[in-house]
C-alpha cells in the first residue's frame, strides 16, 4: 500500500520530496504487541505494589497486610515472568522482528547502522533504530534480573514456587511437616538454618532492589526517547505497537532491517 504524506522532512541530511512514496509496512506481530502491553501492565502493578512494600512501615501496614501484598506481588510476578520467558523463546525461534537478530545491538551490521544514524545518513528503520536496540537490550537485561531474583526471593520470603518447597525444607525442624512453615512464623523453623537462608537471600534482595531502581530510571527514559523519535522521525512508532504497521519512505528503509 502506497500513501503520500504532505510534509517535508528536513531533520536529517536526507531531504525527502513532497512526492515521496510511503509504504505501510507490517513490523510488529501480534505476539510482540501482546508481550509489550502485558509487560507494561504487569510492570506498572509490580512497581506500585513494590513501592508500598518498601514503605510498609511508613504506611503502617500490618504483618498480615505485608503477606497479602507480597502474595499479590509474587502472583503478578508470575504473569510477568511467563510473558518474558515467552518473549525470550520467540527471540530465538520466532519470525521477522520477533527475532533477536532484528531487535538487539549484538549482530552484524549494527555498528555501521549506528554510525549512519549518528551522522544523520539514515533516519528510517523498519524495527528499532540503533539507539532503540540499546534501550531494548538494557530493559530486557534488567527485567531478566528482576525475574530471576524475584523468584528466589518469593521462595525465601513466602515460600512460593519454584523454590519455596526447597527453602521451606532447608529450614524445617520436622521436614515431614512443611505445611506448618508459614511467612513470618517461627513454627517448625530451625533458627540457625533460617539465618543461613536469610544470608543466602541477601544479595538477591540487594540486586532486586537496585535493578528496580534502574528500571524506574529506564522506563521514563524509554518513553521520552519514543516521544522524541516519534516527533523527529514521524514513523508512527506509538501506533505501530497497537496495530503493527509503520509508514515508511519506500526509498529509505535500511538494508539491515530487511528480512
C-alpha atoms as a PDB file:
ATOM      1  CA  UNK A   1       0.000   0.000   0.000  1.00  0.00           C
ATOM      2  CA  UNK A   2       1.437   3.370  -1.014  1.00  0.00           C
ATOM      3  CA  UNK A   3       0.426   6.677   0.509  1.00  0.00           C
ATOM      4  CA  UNK A   4       1.632  10.276   0.126  1.00  0.00           C
ATOM      5  CA  UNK A   5       2.451  12.423   3.137  1.00  0.00           C
ATOM      6  CA  UNK A   6       2.144  16.199   2.614  1.00  0.00           C
ATOM      7  CA  UNK A   7       5.069  17.254   4.823  1.00  0.00           C
ATOM      8  CA  UNK A   8       8.712  17.863   4.020  1.00  0.00           C
ATOM      9  CA  UNK A   9      11.096  16.043   6.300  1.00  0.00           C
ATOM     10  CA  UNK A  10      14.241  18.111   6.873  1.00  0.00           C
ATOM     11  CA  UNK A  11      15.626  16.869  10.183  1.00  0.00           C
ATOM     12  CA  UNK A  12      18.259  14.654   8.517  1.00  0.00           C
ATOM     13  CA  UNK A  13      20.751  15.016   5.712  1.00  0.00           C
ATOM     14  CA  UNK A  14      18.310  13.094   3.558  1.00  0.00           C
ATOM     15  CA  UNK A  15      15.647  15.611   2.408  1.00  0.00           C
ATOM     16  CA  UNK A  16      12.502  13.861   1.245  1.00  0.00           C
ATOM     17  CA  UNK A  17      10.487  15.285  -1.610  1.00  0.00           C
ATOM     18  CA  UNK A  18       6.801  16.039  -1.050  1.00  0.00           C
ATOM     19  CA  UNK A  19       6.005  13.423  -3.658  1.00  0.00           C
ATOM     20  CA  UNK A  20       7.980  10.719  -1.828  1.00  0.00           C
ATOM     21  CA  UNK A  21       6.203   7.347  -1.837  1.00  0.00           C
ATOM     22  CA  UNK A  22       5.419   5.916   1.584  1.00  0.00           C
ATOM     23  CA  UNK A  23       4.689   2.270   2.265  1.00  0.00           C
ATOM     24  CA  UNK A  24       2.542   0.908   5.070  1.00  0.00           C
ATOM     25  CA  UNK A  25       4.808  -1.857   6.382  1.00  0.00           C
ATOM     26  CA  UNK A  26       3.853  -4.624   8.806  1.00  0.00           C
ATOM     27  CA  UNK A  27       6.519  -4.745  11.535  1.00  0.00           C
ATOM     28  CA  UNK A  28       5.280  -5.833  14.970  1.00  0.00           C
ATOM     29  CA  UNK A  29       3.480  -9.185  15.137  1.00  0.00           C
ATOM     30  CA  UNK A  30       0.540  -9.874  17.446  1.00  0.00           C
ATOM     31  CA  UNK A  31       2.900 -11.776  19.759  1.00  0.00           C
ATOM     32  CA  UNK A  32       5.230  -8.793  20.119  1.00  0.00           C
ATOM     33  CA  UNK A  33       2.361  -6.376  20.707  1.00  0.00           C
ATOM     34  CA  UNK A  34       0.713  -8.695  23.243  1.00  0.00           C
ATOM     35  CA  UNK A  35       4.027  -9.067  25.082  1.00  0.00           C
ATOM     36  CA  UNK A  36       4.630  -5.306  25.093  1.00  0.00           C
ATOM     37  CA  UNK A  37       1.287  -4.255  26.559  1.00  0.00           C
ATOM     38  CA  UNK A  38       1.051  -7.120  29.056  1.00  0.00           C
ATOM     39  CA  UNK A  39       4.602  -6.255  30.090  1.00  0.00           C
ATOM     40  CA  UNK A  40       3.611  -2.604  30.576  1.00  0.00           C
ATOM     41  CA  UNK A  41       0.633  -3.607  32.748  1.00  0.00           C
ATOM     42  CA  UNK A  42       2.486  -6.123  34.928  1.00  0.00           C
ATOM     43  CA  UNK A  43       5.495  -3.841  35.468  1.00  0.00           C
ATOM     44  CA  UNK A  44       3.180  -0.983  36.453  1.00  0.00           C
ATOM     45  CA  UNK A  45       1.437  -3.204  39.014  1.00  0.00           C
ATOM     46  CA  UNK A  46       4.745  -4.609  40.296  1.00  0.00           C
ATOM     47  CA  UNK A  47       6.187  -1.119  40.729  1.00  0.00           C
ATOM     48  CA  UNK A  48       3.132   0.129  42.634  1.00  0.00           C
ATOM     49  CA  UNK A  49       2.970  -2.900  44.926  1.00  0.00           C
ATOM     50  CA  UNK A  50       6.761  -2.915  45.336  1.00  0.00           C
ATOM     51  CA  UNK A  51       6.841   0.727  46.415  1.00  0.00           C
ATOM     52  CA  UNK A  52       4.134   0.042  49.011  1.00  0.00           C
ATOM     53  CA  UNK A  53       6.052  -2.993  50.334  1.00  0.00           C
ATOM     54  CA  UNK A  54       9.286  -0.991  50.588  1.00  0.00           C
ATOM     55  CA  UNK A  55       7.422   1.652  52.597  1.00  0.00           C
ATOM     56  CA  UNK A  56       5.285  -0.716  54.671  1.00  0.00           C
ATOM     57  CA  UNK A  57       6.358   0.843  57.981  1.00  0.00           C
ATOM     58  CA  UNK A  58       5.641   4.333  56.700  1.00  0.00           C
ATOM     59  CA  UNK A  59       2.138   3.285  55.693  1.00  0.00           C
ATOM     60  CA  UNK A  60       1.581   1.398  58.952  1.00  0.00           C
ATOM     61  CA  UNK A  61       0.890  -1.906  57.213  1.00  0.00           C
ATOM     62  CA  UNK A  62       0.420  -4.925  59.487  1.00  0.00           C
ATOM     63  CA  UNK A  63       2.235  -8.255  59.108  1.00  0.00           C
ATOM     64  CA  UNK A  64      -0.883  -9.789  57.558  1.00  0.00           C
ATOM     65  CA  UNK A  65      -1.067  -6.860  55.159  1.00  0.00           C
ATOM     66  CA  UNK A  66       2.562  -7.319  54.134  1.00  0.00           C
ATOM     67  CA  UNK A  67       1.961 -11.006  53.461  1.00  0.00           C
ATOM     68  CA  UNK A  68      -1.050 -10.132  51.300  1.00  0.00           C
ATOM     69  CA  UNK A  69       0.926  -7.506  49.383  1.00  0.00           C
ATOM     70  CA  UNK A  70       3.822  -9.892  48.833  1.00  0.00           C
ATOM     71  CA  UNK A  71       1.392 -12.563  47.640  1.00  0.00           C
ATOM     72  CA  UNK A  72      -0.094 -10.111  45.124  1.00  0.00           C
ATOM     73  CA  UNK A  73       3.408  -9.019  44.096  1.00  0.00           C
ATOM     74  CA  UNK A  74       4.532 -12.609  43.524  1.00  0.00           C
ATOM     75  CA  UNK A  75       1.310 -13.558  41.678  1.00  0.00           C
ATOM     76  CA  UNK A  76       1.732 -10.582  39.344  1.00  0.00           C
ATOM     77  CA  UNK A  77       5.399 -11.525  39.045  1.00  0.00           C
ATOM     78  CA  UNK A  78       4.440 -14.954  37.701  1.00  0.00           C
ATOM     79  CA  UNK A  79       2.471 -13.330  34.873  1.00  0.00           C
ATOM     80  CA  UNK A  80       5.419 -11.006  34.202  1.00  0.00           C
ATOM     81  CA  UNK A  81       7.871 -13.942  34.211  1.00  0.00           C
ATOM     82  CA  UNK A  82       5.783 -16.181  31.922  1.00  0.00           C
ATOM     83  CA  UNK A  83       5.302 -13.301  29.492  1.00  0.00           C
ATOM     84  CA  UNK A  84       9.051 -12.556  29.492  1.00  0.00           C
ATOM     85  CA  UNK A  85      10.022 -16.218  29.030  1.00  0.00           C
ATOM     86  CA  UNK A  86       7.667 -16.486  26.038  1.00  0.00           C
ATOM     87  CA  UNK A  87       9.269 -13.345  24.571  1.00  0.00           C
ATOM     88  CA  UNK A  88      12.757 -14.807  25.069  1.00  0.00           C
ATOM     89  CA  UNK A  89      11.638 -18.008  23.332  1.00  0.00           C
ATOM     90  CA  UNK A  90      10.338 -16.134  20.288  1.00  0.00           C
ATOM     91  CA  UNK A  91      13.553 -14.128  20.204  1.00  0.00           C
ATOM     92  CA  UNK A  92      15.305 -17.365  19.239  1.00  0.00           C
ATOM     93  CA  UNK A  93      12.570 -19.225  17.353  1.00  0.00           C
ATOM     94  CA  UNK A  94      10.161 -16.552  16.128  1.00  0.00           C
ATOM     95  CA  UNK A  95       9.897 -14.810  12.779  1.00  0.00           C
ATOM     96  CA  UNK A  96      10.764 -11.368  11.443  1.00  0.00           C
ATOM     97  CA  UNK A  97      11.118  -8.709  14.108  1.00  0.00           C
ATOM     98  CA  UNK A  98      10.367 -11.225  16.857  1.00  0.00           C
ATOM     99  CA  UNK A  99      13.950 -12.465  16.500  1.00  0.00           C
ATOM    100  CA  UNK A 100      16.889 -11.087  18.487  1.00  0.00           C
ATOM    101  CA  UNK A 101      18.845 -10.501  15.278  1.00  0.00           C
ATOM    102  CA  UNK A 102      16.308  -7.779  14.439  1.00  0.00           C
ATOM    103  CA  UNK A 103      15.939  -6.443  17.973  1.00  0.00           C
ATOM    104  CA  UNK A 104      19.258  -6.427  19.845  1.00  0.00           C
ATOM    105  CA  UNK A 105      22.503  -4.500  19.166  1.00  0.00           C
ATOM    106  CA  UNK A 106      24.807  -7.532  19.059  1.00  0.00           C
ATOM    107  CA  UNK A 107      24.577  -8.616  15.446  1.00  0.00           C
ATOM    108  CA  UNK A 108      26.326  -7.977  12.131  1.00  0.00           C
ATOM    109  CA  UNK A 109      25.713  -4.548  10.662  1.00  0.00           C
ATOM    110  CA  UNK A 110      24.818  -2.837  13.918  1.00  0.00           C
ATOM    111  CA  UNK A 111      27.940  -0.670  14.128  1.00  0.00           C
ATOM    112  CA  UNK A 112      27.505   0.617  10.591  1.00  0.00           C
ATOM    113  CA  UNK A 113      23.819   1.312  11.259  1.00  0.00           C
ATOM    114  CA  UNK A 114      24.713   3.209  14.429  1.00  0.00           C
ATOM    115  CA  UNK A 115      27.324   5.267  12.612  1.00  0.00           C
ATOM    116  CA  UNK A 116      24.883   6.120   9.818  1.00  0.00           C
ATOM    117  CA  UNK A 117      22.199   7.003  12.344  1.00  0.00           C
ATOM    118  CA  UNK A 118      24.513   9.281  14.332  1.00  0.00           C
ATOM    119  CA  UNK A 119      25.638  11.044  11.178  1.00  0.00           C
ATOM    120  CA  UNK A 120      22.048  11.525  10.019  1.00  0.00           C
ATOM    121  CA  UNK A 121      22.525   9.391   6.910  1.00  0.00           C
ATOM    122  CA  UNK A 122      19.595   7.124   7.706  1.00  0.00           C
ATOM    123  CA  UNK A 123      16.545   8.104   9.703  1.00  0.00           C
ATOM    124  CA  UNK A 124      14.132   5.313   8.875  1.00  0.00           C
ATOM    125  CA  UNK A 125      14.218   1.776  10.226  1.00  0.00           C
ATOM    126  CA  UNK A 126      11.599  -0.926   9.958  1.00  0.00           C
ATOM    127  CA  UNK A 127      12.239  -2.084  13.503  1.00  0.00           C
ATOM    128  CA  UNK A 128      14.050  -0.254  16.276  1.00  0.00           C
ATOM    129  CA  UNK A 129      16.674   2.286  15.343  1.00  0.00           C
ATOM    130  CA  UNK A 130      20.221   1.590  16.681  1.00  0.00           C
ATOM    131  CA  UNK A 131      19.671   3.601  19.877  1.00  0.00           C
ATOM    132  CA  UNK A 132      16.326   1.875  20.391  1.00  0.00           C
ATOM    133  CA  UNK A 133      18.062  -1.508  20.192  1.00  0.00           C
ATOM    134  CA  UNK A 134      20.393  -0.445  23.010  1.00  0.00           C
ATOM    135  CA  UNK A 135      17.383   0.514  25.122  1.00  0.00           C
ATOM    136  CA  UNK A 136      15.668  -2.814  24.403  1.00  0.00           C
ATOM    137  CA  UNK A 137      18.827  -4.674  25.477  1.00  0.00           C
ATOM    138  CA  UNK A 138      19.033  -2.671  28.717  1.00  0.00           C
ATOM    139  CA  UNK A 139      15.347  -3.186  29.520  1.00  0.00           C
ATOM    140  CA  UNK A 140      15.406  -6.913  28.761  1.00  0.00           C
ATOM    141  CA  UNK A 141      18.549  -7.411  30.850  1.00  0.00           C
ATOM    142  CA  UNK A 142      17.043  -5.511  33.766  1.00  0.00           C
ATOM    143  CA  UNK A 143      13.740  -7.405  33.511  1.00  0.00           C
ATOM    144  CA  UNK A 144      15.507 -10.768  33.365  1.00  0.00           C
ATOM    145  CA  UNK A 145      17.494  -9.900  36.500  1.00  0.00           C
ATOM    146  CA  UNK A 146      14.236  -8.875  38.204  1.00  0.00           C
ATOM    147  CA  UNK A 147      12.585 -12.129  37.192  1.00  0.00           C
ATOM    148  CA  UNK A 148      15.370 -14.410  38.438  1.00  0.00           C
ATOM    149  CA  UNK A 149      15.972 -12.589  41.722  1.00  0.00           C
ATOM    150  CA  UNK A 150      12.245 -12.201  42.287  1.00  0.00           C
ATOM    151  CA  UNK A 151      11.632 -15.937  42.007  1.00  0.00           C
ATOM    152  CA  UNK A 152      14.391 -16.643  44.543  1.00  0.00           C
ATOM    153  CA  UNK A 153      13.002 -14.021  46.938  1.00  0.00           C
ATOM    154  CA  UNK A 154       9.491 -15.435  46.570  1.00  0.00           C
ATOM    155  CA  UNK A 155      10.843 -18.816  47.654  1.00  0.00           C
ATOM    156  CA  UNK A 156      12.726 -17.490  50.686  1.00  0.00           C
ATOM    157  CA  UNK A 157      10.115 -14.964  51.802  1.00  0.00           C
ATOM    158  CA  UNK A 158       6.662 -16.521  51.412  1.00  0.00           C
ATOM    159  CA  UNK A 159       7.804 -19.997  50.274  1.00  0.00           C
ATOM    160  CA  UNK A 160       6.201 -19.811  46.822  1.00  0.00           C
ATOM    161  CA  UNK A 161       7.243 -21.860  43.752  1.00  0.00           C
ATOM    162  CA  UNK A 162       9.516 -22.666  42.082  1.00  0.00           C
ATOM    163  CA  UNK A 163      11.961 -22.650  45.038  1.00  0.00           C
ATOM    164  CA  UNK A 164       9.613 -22.363  48.016  1.00  0.00           C
ATOM    165  CA  UNK A 165       9.487 -26.058  48.893  1.00  0.00           C
ATOM    166  CA  UNK A 166      13.274 -26.305  48.753  1.00  0.00           C
ATOM    167  CA  UNK A 167      13.796 -23.391  51.139  1.00  0.00           C
ATOM    168  CA  UNK A 168      10.985 -24.476  53.450  1.00  0.00           C
ATOM    169  CA  UNK A 169      12.582 -27.912  53.712  1.00  0.00           C
ATOM    170  CA  UNK A 170      16.008 -26.383  54.362  1.00  0.00           C
ATOM    171  CA  UNK A 171      14.777 -24.534  57.483  1.00  0.00           C
ATOM    172  CA  UNK A 172      12.242 -27.066  58.800  1.00  0.00           C
ATOM    173  CA  UNK A 173      12.865 -28.909  62.050  1.00  0.00           C
ATOM    174  CA  UNK A 174      10.363 -31.584  61.039  1.00  0.00           C
ATOM    175  CA  UNK A 175      10.855 -31.986  57.310  1.00  0.00           C
ATOM    176  CA  UNK A 176       7.713 -34.134  57.027  1.00  0.00           C
ATOM    177  CA  UNK A 177       5.567 -31.180  58.066  1.00  0.00           C
ATOM    178  CA  UNK A 178       6.385 -28.457  55.555  1.00  0.00           C
ATOM    179  CA  UNK A 179       2.800 -27.163  55.586  1.00  0.00           C
ATOM    180  CA  UNK A 180       3.461 -25.652  59.014  1.00  0.00           C
ATOM    181  CA  UNK A 181       6.165 -23.379  57.548  1.00  0.00           C
ATOM    182  CA  UNK A 182       4.466 -20.009  57.104  1.00  0.00           C
ATOM    183  CA  UNK A 183       5.726 -16.480  56.309  1.00  0.00           C
ATOM    184  CA  UNK A 184       6.798 -14.565  59.447  1.00  0.00           C
ATOM    185  CA  UNK A 185       6.110 -17.638  61.608  1.00  0.00           C
ATOM    186  CA  UNK A 186       8.656 -19.448  63.802  1.00  0.00           C
ATOM    187  CA  UNK A 187       6.664 -22.681  63.965  1.00  0.00           C
ATOM    188  CA  UNK A 188       8.781 -25.663  62.882  1.00  0.00           C
ATOM    189  CA  UNK A 189      11.659 -23.332  61.937  1.00  0.00           C
ATOM    190  CA  UNK A 190      15.283 -24.044  62.833  1.00  0.00           C
ATOM    191  CA  UNK A 191      16.800 -20.696  63.862  1.00  0.00           C
ATOM    192  CA  UNK A 192      20.304 -21.387  62.557  1.00  0.00           C
ATOM    193  CA  UNK A 193      19.040 -22.746  59.235  1.00  0.00           C
ATOM    194  CA  UNK A 194      16.741 -19.732  58.931  1.00  0.00           C
ATOM    195  CA  UNK A 195      19.683 -17.350  59.451  1.00  0.00           C
ATOM    196  CA  UNK A 196      21.651 -19.180  56.763  1.00  0.00           C
ATOM    197  CA  UNK A 197      18.730 -18.882  54.360  1.00  0.00           C
ATOM    198  CA  UNK A 198      18.400 -15.143  55.084  1.00  0.00           C
ATOM    199  CA  UNK A 199      22.133 -14.690  54.469  1.00  0.00           C
ATOM    200  CA  UNK A 200      21.782 -16.539  51.156  1.00  0.00           C
ATOM    201  CA  UNK A 201      18.884 -14.348  50.010  1.00  0.00           C
ATOM    202  CA  UNK A 202      20.511 -11.029  50.955  1.00  0.00           C
ATOM    203  CA  UNK A 203      22.434 -10.483  47.683  1.00  0.00           C
ATOM    204  CA  UNK A 204      19.296 -11.380  45.734  1.00  0.00           C
ATOM    205  CA  UNK A 205      17.335  -8.753  47.667  1.00  0.00           C
ATOM    206  CA  UNK A 206      20.046  -6.153  47.044  1.00  0.00           C
ATOM    207  CA  UNK A 207      20.200  -6.955  43.328  1.00  0.00           C
ATOM    208  CA  UNK A 208      16.405  -6.945  43.048  1.00  0.00           C
ATOM    209  CA  UNK A 209      16.119  -3.528  44.689  1.00  0.00           C
ATOM    210  CA  UNK A 210      18.869  -1.891  42.628  1.00  0.00           C
ATOM    211  CA  UNK A 211      17.547  -3.433  39.406  1.00  0.00           C
ATOM    212  CA  UNK A 212      14.173  -1.978  40.416  1.00  0.00           C
ATOM    213  CA  UNK A 213      15.722   1.484  40.736  1.00  0.00           C
ATOM    214  CA  UNK A 214      17.415   1.050  37.362  1.00  0.00           C
ATOM    215  CA  UNK A 215      14.111   0.029  35.798  1.00  0.00           C
ATOM    216  CA  UNK A 216      12.441   3.109  37.292  1.00  0.00           C
ATOM    217  CA  UNK A 217      15.146   5.171  35.556  1.00  0.00           C
ATOM    218  CA  UNK A 218      14.989   3.338  32.219  1.00  0.00           C
ATOM    219  CA  UNK A 219      11.207   3.367  31.766  1.00  0.00           C
ATOM    220  CA  UNK A 220      10.773   7.191  31.665  1.00  0.00           C
ATOM    221  CA  UNK A 221      13.922   7.388  29.514  1.00  0.00           C
ATOM    222  CA  UNK A 222      12.377   4.876  27.114  1.00  0.00           C
ATOM    223  CA  UNK A 223       9.091   6.816  26.963  1.00  0.00           C
ATOM    224  CA  UNK A 224      10.962  10.093  26.381  1.00  0.00           C
ATOM    225  CA  UNK A 225      13.061   8.505  23.618  1.00  0.00           C
ATOM    226  CA  UNK A 226       9.925   7.197  21.890  1.00  0.00           C
ATOM    227  CA  UNK A 227       8.322  10.658  22.013  1.00  0.00           C
ATOM    228  CA  UNK A 228      11.460  12.314  20.606  1.00  0.00           C
ATOM    229  CA  UNK A 229      11.814   9.680  17.879  1.00  0.00           C
ATOM    230  CA  UNK A 230       8.107   9.959  17.016  1.00  0.00           C
ATOM    231  CA  UNK A 231       8.386  13.727  16.557  1.00  0.00           C
ATOM    232  CA  UNK A 232      11.714  13.557  14.747  1.00  0.00           C
ATOM    233  CA  UNK A 233      11.273  10.524  12.508  1.00  0.00           C
ATOM    234  CA  UNK A 234       7.470  10.615  12.035  1.00  0.00           C
ATOM    235  CA  UNK A 235       7.220   6.843  11.691  1.00  0.00           C
ATOM    236  CA  UNK A 236       4.040   6.145  13.707  1.00  0.00           C
ATOM    237  CA  UNK A 237       6.148   4.457  16.406  1.00  0.00           C
ATOM    238  CA  UNK A 238       3.476   4.525  19.112  1.00  0.00           C
ATOM    239  CA  UNK A 239       0.539   3.491  16.941  1.00  0.00           C
ATOM    240  CA  UNK A 240       2.611   0.732  15.321  1.00  0.00           C
ATOM    241  CA  UNK A 241       2.737  -1.033  18.689  1.00  0.00           C
ATOM    242  CA  UNK A 242      -1.070  -1.069  18.603  1.00  0.00           C
ATOM    243  CA  UNK A 243      -1.852  -2.162  15.035  1.00  0.00           C
ATOM    244  CA  UNK A 244       1.579  -3.459  13.980  1.00  0.00           C
ATOM    245  CA  UNK A 245       2.212  -1.170  10.985  1.00  0.00           C
ATOM    246  CA  UNK A 246       4.741   1.567  10.331  1.00  0.00           C
ATOM    247  CA  UNK A 247       4.519   4.053   7.471  1.00  0.00           C
ATOM    248  CA  UNK A 248       7.976   4.373   5.893  1.00  0.00           C
ATOM    249  CA  UNK A 249       9.514   6.017   2.808  1.00  0.00           C
ATOM    250  CA  UNK A 250       9.965   3.333   0.156  1.00  0.00           C
ATOM    251  CA  UNK A 251      13.439   4.669  -0.717  1.00  0.00           C
ATOM    252  CA  UNK A 252      14.808   4.972   2.802  1.00  0.00           C
ATOM    253  CA  UNK A 253      14.436   1.588   4.527  1.00  0.00           C
ATOM    254  CA  UNK A 254      17.834   0.335   5.634  1.00  0.00           C
ATOM    255  CA  UNK A 255      19.142  -2.884   4.157  1.00  0.00           C
ATOM    256  CA  UNK A 256      19.982  -4.201   7.603  1.00  0.00           C
ATOM    257  CA  UNK A 257      16.319  -4.129   8.597  1.00  0.00           C
ATOM    258  CA  UNK A 258      15.057  -6.089   5.605  1.00  0.00           C
ATOM    259  CA  UNK A 259      14.029  -9.643   6.375  1.00  0.00           C
END
